Amino acid sequence: DLLNLTTEEATERNDALDFLDKYLLESGGTAKASDVQK
């Protein structure tokens, strides 16, 4: 359970990382936590 990330879960995490990286950079490097989460 601890180590076997499914392909779908791993893909979702990588997609979230790409989203966050792009969103913060497009926001000038800084954004309100509430806006990011929304």
PDB file of all heavy atoms in Angstrom:
ATOM      1  N   ASP A   1       0.830  -1.202   0.000  1.00  0.00           N
ATOM      2  CA  ASP A   1       0.000   0.000   0.000  1.00  0.00           C
ATOM      3  C   ASP A   1       0.865   1.253   0.000  1.00  0.00           C
ATOM      4  O   ASP A   1       0.512   2.271  -0.593  1.00  0.00           O
ATOM      5  CB  ASP A   1      -0.892   0.054   1.254  1.00  0.00           C
ATOM      6  CG  ASP A   1      -1.761  -1.171   1.399  1.00  0.00           C
ATOM      7  OD1 ASP A   1      -2.129  -1.754   0.363  1.00  0.00           O
ATOM      8  OD2 ASP A   1      -2.077  -1.550   2.536  1.00  0.00           O
ATOM      9  N   LEU A   2       1.995   1.178   0.670  1.00  0.00           N
ATOM     10  CA  LEU A   2       2.831   2.350   0.860  1.00  0.00           C
ATOM     11  C   LEU A   2       3.672   2.683  -0.367  1.00  0.00           C
ATOM     12  O   LEU A   2       3.956   3.858  -0.626  1.00  0.00           O
ATOM     13  CB  LEU A   2       3.761   2.139   2.061  1.00  0.00           C
ATOM     14  CG  LEU A   2       3.070   1.842   3.395  1.00  0.00           C
ATOM     15  CD1 LEU A   2       4.091   1.422   4.435  1.00  0.00           C
ATOM     16  CD2 LEU A   2       2.285   3.050   3.869  1.00  0.00           C
ATOM     17  N   LEU A   3       4.063   1.683  -1.112  1.00  0.00           N
ATOM     18  CA  LEU A   3       5.024   1.900  -2.191  1.00  0.00           C
ATOM     19  C   LEU A   3       4.449   1.781  -3.592  1.00  0.00           C
ATOM     20  O   LEU A   3       5.010   2.340  -4.534  1.00  0.00           O
ATOM     21  CB  LEU A   3       6.187   0.897  -2.063  1.00  0.00           C
ATOM     22  CG  LEU A   3       7.019   1.004  -0.795  1.00  0.00           C
ATOM     23  CD1 LEU A   3       8.143  -0.021  -0.829  1.00  0.00           C
ATOM     24  CD2 LEU A   3       7.598   2.405  -0.647  1.00  0.00           C
ATOM     25  N   ASN A   4       3.357   1.051  -3.740  1.00  0.00           N
ATOM     26  CA  ASN A   4       2.867   0.757  -5.080  1.00  0.00           C
ATOM     27  C   ASN A   4       1.882   1.800  -5.579  1.00  0.00           C
ATOM     28  O   ASN A   4       0.686   1.592  -5.587  1.00  0.00           O
ATOM     29  CB  ASN A   4       2.202  -0.632  -5.109  1.00  0.00           C
ATOM     30  CG  ASN A   4       3.212  -1.728  -4.863  1.00  0.00           C
ATOM     31  OD1 ASN A   4       4.412  -1.507  -4.939  1.00  0.00           O
ATOM     32  ND2 ASN A   4       2.725  -2.913  -4.571  1.00  0.00           N
ATOM     33  N   LEU A   5       2.407   2.938  -5.981  1.00  0.00           N
ATOM     34  CA  LEU A   5       1.569   3.933  -6.630  1.00  0.00           C
ATOM     35  C   LEU A   5       1.115   3.389  -7.983  1.00  0.00           C
ATOM     36  O   LEU A   5       1.923   2.873  -8.757  1.00  0.00           O
ATOM     37  CB  LEU A   5       2.347   5.230  -6.874  1.00  0.00           C
ATOM     38  CG  LEU A   5       2.532   6.175  -5.689  1.00  0.00           C
ATOM     39  CD1 LEU A   5       3.398   7.337  -6.109  1.00  0.00           C
ATOM     40  CD2 LEU A   5       1.201   6.662  -5.181  1.00  0.00           C
ATOM     41  N   THR A   6      -0.161   3.483  -8.272  1.00  0.00           N
ATOM     42  CA  THR A   6      -0.626   3.068  -9.580  1.00  0.00           C
ATOM     43  C   THR A   6      -0.194   4.094 -10.617  1.00  0.00           C
ATOM     44  O   THR A   6       0.163   5.237 -10.299  1.00  0.00           O
ATOM     45  CB  THR A   6      -2.161   2.959  -9.597  1.00  0.00           C
ATOM     46  OG1 THR A   6      -2.706   4.267  -9.401  1.00  0.00           O
ATOM     47  CG2 THR A   6      -2.657   2.028  -8.519  1.00  0.00           C
ATOM     48  N   THR A   7      -0.234   3.711 -11.878  1.00  0.00           N
ATOM     49  CA  THR A   7       0.126   4.635 -12.957  1.00  0.00           C
ATOM     50  C   THR A   7      -0.768   5.862 -12.934  1.00  0.00           C
ATOM     51  O   THR A   7      -0.321   6.996 -13.128  1.00  0.00           O
ATOM     52  CB  THR A   7      -0.004   3.919 -14.310  1.00  0.00           C
ATOM     53  OG1 THR A   7       0.822   2.762 -14.299  1.00  0.00           O
ATOM     54  CG2 THR A   7       0.418   4.830 -15.445  1.00  0.00           C
ATOM     55  N   GLU A   8      -2.054   5.653 -12.645  1.00  0.00           N
ATOM     56  CA  GLU A   8      -2.999   6.765 -12.599  1.00  0.00           C
ATOM     57  C   GLU A   8      -2.647   7.745 -11.488  1.00  0.00           C
ATOM     58  O   GLU A   8      -2.668   8.969 -11.676  1.00  0.00           O
ATOM     59  CB  GLU A   8      -4.414   6.222 -12.402  1.00  0.00           C
ATOM     60  CG  GLU A   8      -5.495   7.296 -12.402  1.00  0.00           C
ATOM     61  CD  GLU A   8      -6.889   6.713 -12.239  1.00  0.00           C
ATOM     62  OE1 GLU A   8      -7.022   5.464 -12.308  1.00  0.00           O
ATOM     63  OE2 GLU A   8      -7.825   7.500 -12.047  1.00  0.00           O
ATOM     64  N   GLU A   9      -2.303   7.227 -10.288  1.00  0.00           N
ATOM     65  CA  GLU A   9      -1.960   8.093  -9.172  1.00  0.00           C
ATOM     66  C   GLU A   9      -0.676   8.862  -9.446  1.00  0.00           C
ATOM     67  O   GLU A   9      -0.566  10.051  -9.135  1.00  0.00           O
ATOM     68  CB  GLU A   9      -1.817   7.253  -7.903  1.00  0.00           C
ATOM     69  CG  GLU A   9      -3.137   6.713  -7.372  1.00  0.00           C
ATOM     70  CD  GLU A   9      -2.921   5.702  -6.263  1.00  0.00           C
ATOM     71  OE1 GLU A   9      -1.895   4.991  -6.311  1.00  0.00           O
ATOM     72  OE2 GLU A   9      -3.755   5.608  -5.363  1.00  0.00           O
ATOM     73  N   ALA A  10       0.314   8.162 -10.002  1.00  0.00           N
ATOM     74  CA  ALA A  10       1.585   8.815 -10.310  1.00  0.00           C
ATOM     75  C   ALA A  10       1.387   9.907 -11.353  1.00  0.00           C
ATOM     76  O   ALA A  10       1.965  11.000 -11.254  1.00  0.00           O
ATOM     77  CB  ALA A  10       2.587   7.778 -10.813  1.00  0.00           C
ATOM     78  N   THR A  11       0.560   9.640 -12.350  1.00  0.00           N
ATOM     79  CA  THR A  11       0.282  10.629 -13.385  1.00  0.00           C
ATOM     80  C   THR A  11      -0.415  11.841 -12.807  1.00  0.00           C
ATOM     81  O   THR A  11      -0.093  13.000 -13.142  1.00  0.00           O
ATOM     82  CB  THR A  11      -0.576  10.009 -14.505  1.00  0.00           C
ATOM     83  OG1 THR A  11       0.115   8.895 -15.059  1.00  0.00           O
ATOM     84  CG2 THR A  11      -0.861  11.025 -15.599  1.00  0.00           C
ATOM     85  N   GLU A  12      -1.393  11.608 -11.899  1.00  0.00           N
ATOM     86  CA  GLU A  12      -2.116  12.714 -11.278  1.00  0.00           C
ATOM     87  C   GLU A  12      -1.175  13.601 -10.480  1.00  0.00           C
ATOM     88  O   GLU A  12      -1.266  14.832 -10.528  1.00  0.00           O
ATOM     89  CB  GLU A  12      -3.225  12.175 -10.377  1.00  0.00           C
ATOM     90  CG  GLU A  12      -4.043  13.280  -9.717  1.00  0.00           C
ATOM     91  CD  GLU A  12      -5.092  12.743  -8.761  1.00  0.00           C
ATOM     92  OE1 GLU A  12      -5.086  11.531  -8.487  1.00  0.00           O
ATOM     93  OE2 GLU A  12      -5.902  13.556  -8.265  1.00  0.00           O
ATOM     94  N   ARG A  13      -0.251  12.991  -9.746  1.00  0.00           N
ATOM     95  CA  ARG A  13       0.676  13.777  -8.947  1.00  0.00           C
ATOM     96  C   ARG A  13       1.602  14.604  -9.833  1.00  0.00           C
ATOM     97  O   ARG A  13       1.875  15.774  -9.553  1.00  0.00           O
ATOM     98  CB  ARG A  13       1.497  12.846  -8.044  1.00  0.00           C
ATOM     99  CG  ARG A  13       2.399  13.590  -7.082  1.00  0.00           C
ATOM    100  CD  ARG A  13       3.039  12.651  -6.092  1.00  0.00           C
ATOM    101  NE  ARG A  13       2.030  11.985  -5.268  1.00  0.00           N
ATOM    102  CZ  ARG A  13       2.334  11.124  -4.300  1.00  0.00           C
ATOM    103  NH1 ARG A  13       3.604  10.819  -4.056  1.00  0.00           N
ATOM    104  NH2 ARG A  13       1.402  10.557  -3.581  1.00  0.00           N
ATOM    105  N   ASN A  14       2.090  14.016 -10.914  1.00  0.00           N
ATOM    106  CA  ASN A  14       2.952  14.756 -11.838  1.00  0.00           C
ATOM    107  C   ASN A  14       2.192  15.876 -12.524  1.00  0.00           C
ATOM    108  O   ASN A  14       2.732  16.968 -12.746  1.00  0.00           O
ATOM    109  CB  ASN A  14       3.548  13.801 -12.883  1.00  0.00           C
ATOM    110  CG  ASN A  14       4.564  12.854 -12.280  1.00  0.00           C
ATOM    111  OD1 ASN A  14       5.192  13.173 -11.267  1.00  0.00           O
ATOM    112  ND2 ASN A  14       4.741  11.688 -12.885  1.00  0.00           N
ATOM    113  N   ASP A  15       0.918  15.626 -12.875  1.00  0.00           N
ATOM    114  CA  ASP A  15       0.098  16.667 -13.499  1.00  0.00           C
ATOM    115  C   ASP A  15      -0.128  17.829 -12.534  1.00  0.00           C
ATOM    116  O   ASP A  15      -0.104  18.999 -12.934  1.00  0.00           O
ATOM    117  CB  ASP A  15      -1.253  16.087 -13.940  1.00  0.00           C
ATOM    118  CG  ASP A  15      -1.136  15.173 -15.149  1.00  0.00           C
ATOM    119  OD1 ASP A  15      -0.064  15.198 -15.791  1.00  0.00           O
ATOM    120  OD2 ASP A  15      -2.099  14.431 -15.430  1.00  0.00           O
ATOM    121  N   ALA A  16      -0.335  17.510 -11.249  1.00  0.00           N
ATOM    122  CA  ALA A  16      -0.524  18.551 -10.244  1.00  0.00           C
ATOM    123  C   ALA A  16       0.747  19.375 -10.077  1.00  0.00           C
ATOM    124  O   ALA A  16       0.691  20.599  -9.892  1.00  0.00           O
ATOM    125  CB  ALA A  16      -0.934  17.931  -8.914  1.00  0.00           C
ATOM    126  N   LEU A  17       1.881  18.706 -10.139  1.00  0.00           N
ATOM    127  CA  LEU A  17       3.160  19.407 -10.036  1.00  0.00           C
ATOM    128  C   LEU A  17       3.333  20.371 -11.214  1.00  0.00           C
ATOM    129  O   LEU A  17       3.745  21.526 -11.033  1.00  0.00           O
ATOM    130  CB  LEU A  17       4.303  18.388 -10.002  1.00  0.00           C
ATOM    131  CG  LEU A  17       5.720  18.934  -9.832  1.00  0.00           C
ATOM    132  CD1 LEU A  17       5.873  19.611  -8.485  1.00  0.00           C
ATOM    133  CD2 LEU A  17       6.739  17.815  -9.974  1.00  0.00           C
ATOM    134  N   ASP A  18       3.012  19.918 -12.420  1.00  0.00           N
ATOM    135  CA  ASP A  18       3.112  20.777 -13.606  1.00  0.00           C
ATOM    136  C   ASP A  18       2.154  21.970 -13.498  1.00  0.00           C
ATOM    137  O   ASP A  18       2.507  23.099 -13.844  1.00  0.00           O
ATOM    138  CB  ASP A  18       2.797  19.973 -14.872  1.00  0.00           C
ATOM    139  CG  ASP A  18       3.869  18.924 -15.176  1.00  0.00           C
ATOM    140  OD1 ASP A  18       4.996  19.084 -14.661  1.00  0.00           O
ATOM    141  OD2 ASP A  18       3.561  17.964 -15.906  1.00  0.00           O
ATOM    142  N   PHE A  19       0.923  21.695 -13.025  1.00  0.00           N
ATOM    143  CA  PHE A  19      -0.057  22.760 -12.854  1.00  0.00           C
ATOM    144  C   PHE A  19       0.452  23.831 -11.893  1.00  0.00           C
ATOM    145  O   PHE A  19       0.387  25.039 -12.165  1.00  0.00           O
ATOM    146  CB  PHE A  19      -1.383  22.187 -12.334  1.00  0.00           C
ATOM    147  CG  PHE A  19      -2.267  23.204 -11.666  1.00  0.00           C
ATOM    148  CD1 PHE A  19      -3.074  24.041 -12.434  1.00  0.00           C
ATOM    149  CD2 PHE A  19      -2.274  23.343 -10.287  1.00  0.00           C
ATOM    150  CE1 PHE A  19      -3.873  25.002 -11.814  1.00  0.00           C
ATOM    151  CE2 PHE A  19      -3.069  24.293  -9.674  1.00  0.00           C
ATOM    152  CZ  PHE A  19      -3.876  25.127 -10.443  1.00  0.00           C
ATOM    153  N   LEU A  20       0.957  23.385 -10.736  1.00  0.00           N
ATOM    154  CA  LEU A  20       1.390  24.317  -9.697  1.00  0.00           C
ATOM    155  C   LEU A  20       2.593  25.123 -10.160  1.00  0.00           C
ATOM    156  O   LEU A  20       2.668  26.343  -9.930  1.00  0.00           O
ATOM    157  CB  LEU A  20       1.718  23.541  -8.425  1.00  0.00           C
ATOM    158  CG  LEU A  20       2.065  24.350  -7.182  1.00  0.00           C
ATOM    159  CD1 LEU A  20       0.927  25.311  -6.839  1.00  0.00           C
ATOM    160  CD2 LEU A  20       2.356  23.422  -6.006  1.00  0.00           C
ATOM    161  N   ASP A  21       3.529  24.468 -10.806  1.00  0.00           N
ATOM    162  CA  ASP A  21       4.720  25.137 -11.322  1.00  0.00           C
ATOM    163  C   ASP A  21       4.320  26.248 -12.296  1.00  0.00           C
ATOM    164  O   ASP A  21       4.773  27.396 -12.188  1.00  0.00           O
ATOM    165  CB  ASP A  21       5.621  24.106 -12.006  1.00  0.00           C
ATOM    166  CG  ASP A  21       6.894  24.729 -12.565  1.00  0.00           C
ATOM    167  OD1 ASP A  21       7.586  25.433 -11.801  1.00  0.00           O
ATOM    168  OD2 ASP A  21       7.187  24.521 -13.759  1.00  0.00           O
ATOM    169  N   LYS A  22       3.445  25.928 -13.231  1.00  0.00           N
ATOM    170  CA  LYS A  22       3.006  26.886 -14.246  1.00  0.00           C
ATOM    171  C   LYS A  22       2.187  28.012 -13.623  1.00  0.00           C
ATOM    172  O   LYS A  22       2.380  29.198 -13.944  1.00  0.00           O
ATOM    173  CB  LYS A  22       2.197  26.153 -15.318  1.00  0.00           C
ATOM    174  CG  LYS A  22       1.740  27.050 -16.467  1.00  0.00           C
ATOM    175  CD  LYS A  22       0.972  26.238 -17.491  1.00  0.00           C
ATOM    176  CE  LYS A  22       0.484  27.139 -18.639  1.00  0.00           C
ATOM    177  NZ  LYS A  22      -0.297  26.353 -19.647  1.00  0.00           N
ATOM    178  N   TYR A  23       1.266  27.676 -12.730  1.00  0.00           N
ATOM    179  CA  TYR A  23       0.380  28.676 -12.128  1.00  0.00           C
ATOM    180  C   TYR A  23       1.176  29.720 -11.342  1.00  0.00           C
ATOM    181  O   TYR A  23       0.930  30.929 -11.453  1.00  0.00           O
ATOM    182  CB  TYR A  23      -0.642  27.997 -11.215  1.00  0.00           C
ATOM    183  CG  TYR A  23      -1.633  28.959 -10.600  1.00  0.00           C
ATOM    184  CD1 TYR A  23      -2.779  29.338 -11.295  1.00  0.00           C
ATOM    185  CD2 TYR A  23      -1.416  29.493  -9.330  1.00  0.00           C
ATOM    186  CE1 TYR A  23      -3.687  30.235 -10.740  1.00  0.00           C
ATOM    187  CE2 TYR A  23      -2.312  30.385  -8.766  1.00  0.00           C
ATOM    188  CZ  TYR A  23      -3.447  30.751  -9.471  1.00  0.00           C
ATOM    189  OH  TYR A  23      -4.330  31.652  -8.917  1.00  0.00           O
ATOM    190  N   LEU A  24       2.130  29.259 -10.527  1.00  0.00           N
ATOM    191  CA  LEU A  24       2.904  30.197  -9.714  1.00  0.00           C
ATOM    192  C   LEU A  24       3.802  31.076 -10.576  1.00  0.00           C
ATOM    193  O   LEU A  24       3.952  32.285 -10.316  1.00  0.00           O
ATOM    194  CB  LEU A  24       3.732  29.434  -8.683  1.00  0.00           C
ATOM    195  CG  LEU A  24       2.962  28.780  -7.537  1.00  0.00           C
ATOM    196  CD1 LEU A  24       3.910  28.011  -6.624  1.00  0.00           C
ATOM    197  CD2 LEU A  24       2.171  29.815  -6.739  1.00  0.00           C
ATOM    198  N   LEU A  25       4.407  30.493 -11.605  1.00  0.00           N
ATOM    199  CA  LEU A  25       5.270  31.283 -12.484  1.00  0.00           C
ATOM    200  C   LEU A  25       4.463  32.336 -13.244  1.00  0.00           C
ATOM    201  O   LEU A  25       4.900  33.484 -13.404  1.00  0.00           O
ATOM    202  CB  LEU A  25       6.010  30.368 -13.460  1.00  0.00           C
ATOM    203  CG  LEU A  25       7.109  29.488 -12.842  1.00  0.00           C
ATOM    204  CD1 LEU A  25       7.702  28.564 -13.895  1.00  0.00           C
ATOM    205  CD2 LEU A  25       8.196  30.338 -12.199  1.00  0.00           C
ATOM    206  N   GLU A  26       3.272  31.938 -13.703  1.00  0.00           N
ATOM    207  CA  GLU A  26       2.426  32.890 -14.424  1.00  0.00           C
ATOM    208  C   GLU A  26       1.856  33.959 -13.495  1.00  0.00           C
ATOM    209  O   GLU A  26       1.426  35.019 -13.958  1.00  0.00           O
ATOM    210  CB  GLU A  26       1.278  32.151 -15.121  1.00  0.00           C
ATOM    211  CG  GLU A  26       1.735  31.312 -16.307  1.00  0.00           C
ATOM    212  CD  GLU A  26       0.584  30.585 -16.978  1.00  0.00           C
ATOM    213  OE1 GLU A  26      -0.526  30.558 -16.389  1.00  0.00           O
ATOM    214  OE2 GLU A  26       0.795  30.027 -18.085  1.00  0.00           O
ATOM    215  N   SER A  27       1.869  33.692 -12.179  1.00  0.00           N
ATOM    216  CA  SER A  27       1.406  34.669 -11.196  1.00  0.00           C
ATOM    217  C   SER A  27       2.545  35.526 -10.674  1.00  0.00           C
ATOM    218  O   SER A  27       2.393  36.228  -9.663  1.00  0.00           O
ATOM    219  CB  SER A  27       0.731  33.952 -10.013  1.00  0.00           C
ATOM    220  OG  SER A  27      -0.366  33.179 -10.450  1.00  0.00           O
ATOM    221  N   GLY A  28       3.675  35.471 -11.341  1.00  0.00           N
ATOM    222  CA  GLY A  28       4.828  36.251 -10.913  1.00  0.00           C
ATOM    223  C   GLY A  28       5.649  35.590  -9.834  1.00  0.00           C
ATOM    224  O   GLY A  28       6.476  36.229  -9.196  1.00  0.00           O
ATOM    225  N   GLY A  29       5.406  34.319  -9.595  1.00  0.00           N
ATOM    226  CA  GLY A  29       6.176  33.575  -8.601  1.00  0.00           C
ATOM    227  C   GLY A  29       5.487  33.461  -7.264  1.00  0.00           C
ATOM    228  O   GLY A  29       5.893  32.661  -6.414  1.00  0.00           O
ATOM    229  N   THR A  30       4.428  34.277  -7.047  1.00  0.00           N
ATOM    230  CA  THR A  30       3.748  34.293  -5.754  1.00  0.00           C
ATOM    231  C   THR A  30       2.240  34.369  -5.959  1.00  0.00           C
ATOM    232  O   THR A  30       1.755  35.094  -6.834  1.00  0.00           O
ATOM    233  CB  THR A  30       4.201  35.503  -4.916  1.00  0.00           C
ATOM    234  OG1 THR A  30       5.619  35.502  -4.809  1.00  0.00           O
ATOM    235  CG2 THR A  30       3.592  35.457  -3.526  1.00  0.00           C
ATOM    236  N   ALA A  31       1.486  33.626  -5.141  1.00  0.00           N
ATOM    237  CA  ALA A  31       0.023  33.672  -5.225  1.00  0.00           C
ATOM    238  C   ALA A  31      -0.569  33.347  -3.866  1.00  0.00           C
ATOM    239  O   ALA A  31       0.055  32.670  -3.040  1.00  0.00           O
ATOM    240  CB  ALA A  31      -0.488  32.686  -6.271  1.00  0.00           C
ATOM    241  N   LYS A  32      -1.785  33.876  -3.614  1.00  0.00           N
ATOM    242  CA  LYS A  32      -2.470  33.547  -2.377  1.00  0.00           C
ATOM    243  C   LYS A  32      -2.786  32.052  -2.345  1.00  0.00           C
ATOM    244  O   LYS A  32      -3.187  31.473  -3.355  1.00  0.00           O
ATOM    245  CB  LYS A  32      -3.766  34.338  -2.260  1.00  0.00           C
ATOM    246  CG  LYS A  32      -3.590  35.801  -1.922  1.00  0.00           C
ATOM    247  CD  LYS A  32      -4.944  36.469  -1.745  1.00  0.00           C
ATOM    248  CE  LYS A  32      -4.784  37.948  -1.406  1.00  0.00           C
ATOM    249  NZ  LYS A  32      -6.105  38.613  -1.251  1.00  0.00           N
ATOM    250  N   ALA A  33      -2.611  31.451  -1.182  1.00  0.00           N
ATOM    251  CA  ALA A  33      -2.883  30.021  -1.034  1.00  0.00           C
ATOM    252  C   ALA A  33      -4.322  29.696  -1.404  1.00  0.00           C
ATOM    253  O   ALA A  33      -4.595  28.681  -2.060  1.00  0.00           O
ATOM    254  CB  ALA A  33      -2.588  29.580   0.388  1.00  0.00           C
ATOM    255  N   SER A  34      -5.242  30.575  -1.030  1.00  0.00           N
ATOM    256  CA  SER A  34      -6.665  30.316  -1.323  1.00  0.00           C
ATOM    257  C   SER A  34      -6.930  30.325  -2.827  1.00  0.00           C
ATOM    258  O   SER A  34      -7.722  29.525  -3.328  1.00  0.00           O
ATOM    259  CB  SER A  34      -7.543  31.357  -0.631  1.00  0.00           C
ATOM    260  OG  SER A  34      -7.183  32.673  -1.038  1.00  0.00           O
ATOM    261  N   ASP A  35      -6.226  31.216  -3.564  1.00  0.00           N
ATOM    262  CA  ASP A  35      -6.396  31.265  -5.019  1.00  0.00           C
ATOM    263  C   ASP A  35      -5.824  30.020  -5.675  1.00  0.00           C
ATOM    264  O   ASP A  35      -6.411  29.455  -6.607  1.00  0.00           O
ATOM    265  CB  ASP A  35      -5.726  32.518  -5.591  1.00  0.00           C
ATOM    266  CG  ASP A  35      -6.428  33.802  -5.180  1.00  0.00           C
ATOM    267  OD1 ASP A  35      -7.607  33.711  -4.773  1.00  0.00           O
ATOM    268  OD2 ASP A  35      -5.792  34.875  -5.257  1.00  0.00           O
ATOM    269  N   VAL A  36      -4.659  29.584  -5.185  1.00  0.00           N
ATOM    270  CA  VAL A  36      -4.029  28.375  -5.744  1.00  0.00           C
ATOM    271  C   VAL A  36      -4.948  27.170  -5.543  1.00  0.00           C
ATOM    272  O   VAL A  36      -5.187  26.386  -6.468  1.00  0.00           O
ATOM    273  CB  VAL A  36      -2.666  28.107  -5.069  1.00  0.00           C
ATOM    274  CG1 VAL A  36      -2.046  26.827  -5.638  1.00  0.00           C
ATOM    275  CG2 VAL A  36      -1.722  29.275  -5.277  1.00  0.00           C
ATOM    276  N   GLN A  37      -5.475  27.026  -4.346  1.00  0.00           N
ATOM    277  CA  GLN A  37      -6.326  25.880  -4.044  1.00  0.00           C
ATOM    278  C   GLN A  37      -7.631  25.920  -4.833  1.00  0.00           C
ATOM    279  O   GLN A  37      -8.138  24.882  -5.269  1.00  0.00           O
ATOM    280  CB  GLN A  37      -6.595  25.832  -2.534  1.00  0.00           C
ATOM    281  CG  GLN A  37      -5.340  25.531  -1.720  1.00  0.00           C
ATOM    282  CD  GLN A  37      -5.508  25.753  -0.232  1.00  0.00           C
ATOM    283  OE1 GLN A  37      -6.605  26.046   0.227  1.00  0.00           O
ATOM    284  NE2 GLN A  37      -4.406  25.626   0.514  1.00  0.00           N
ATOM    285  N   LYS A  38      -8.164  27.137  -5.043  1.00  0.00           N
ATOM    286  CA  LYS A  38      -9.395  27.270  -5.812  1.00  0.00           C
ATOM    287  C   LYS A  38      -9.172  26.849  -7.273  1.00  0.00           C
ATOM    288  O   LYS A  38      -9.956  26.080  -7.845  1.00  0.00           O
ATOM    289  CB  LYS A  38      -9.894  28.716  -5.770  1.00  0.00           C
ATOM    290  CG  LYS A  38     -11.230  28.942  -6.463  1.00  0.00           C
ATOM    291  CD  LYS A  38     -11.587  30.419  -6.492  1.00  0.00           C
ATOM    292  CE  LYS A  38     -11.716  30.973  -5.077  1.00  0.00           C
ATOM    293  NZ  LYS A  38     -12.113  32.417  -5.083  1.00  0.00           N
TER     294      LYS A  38
END
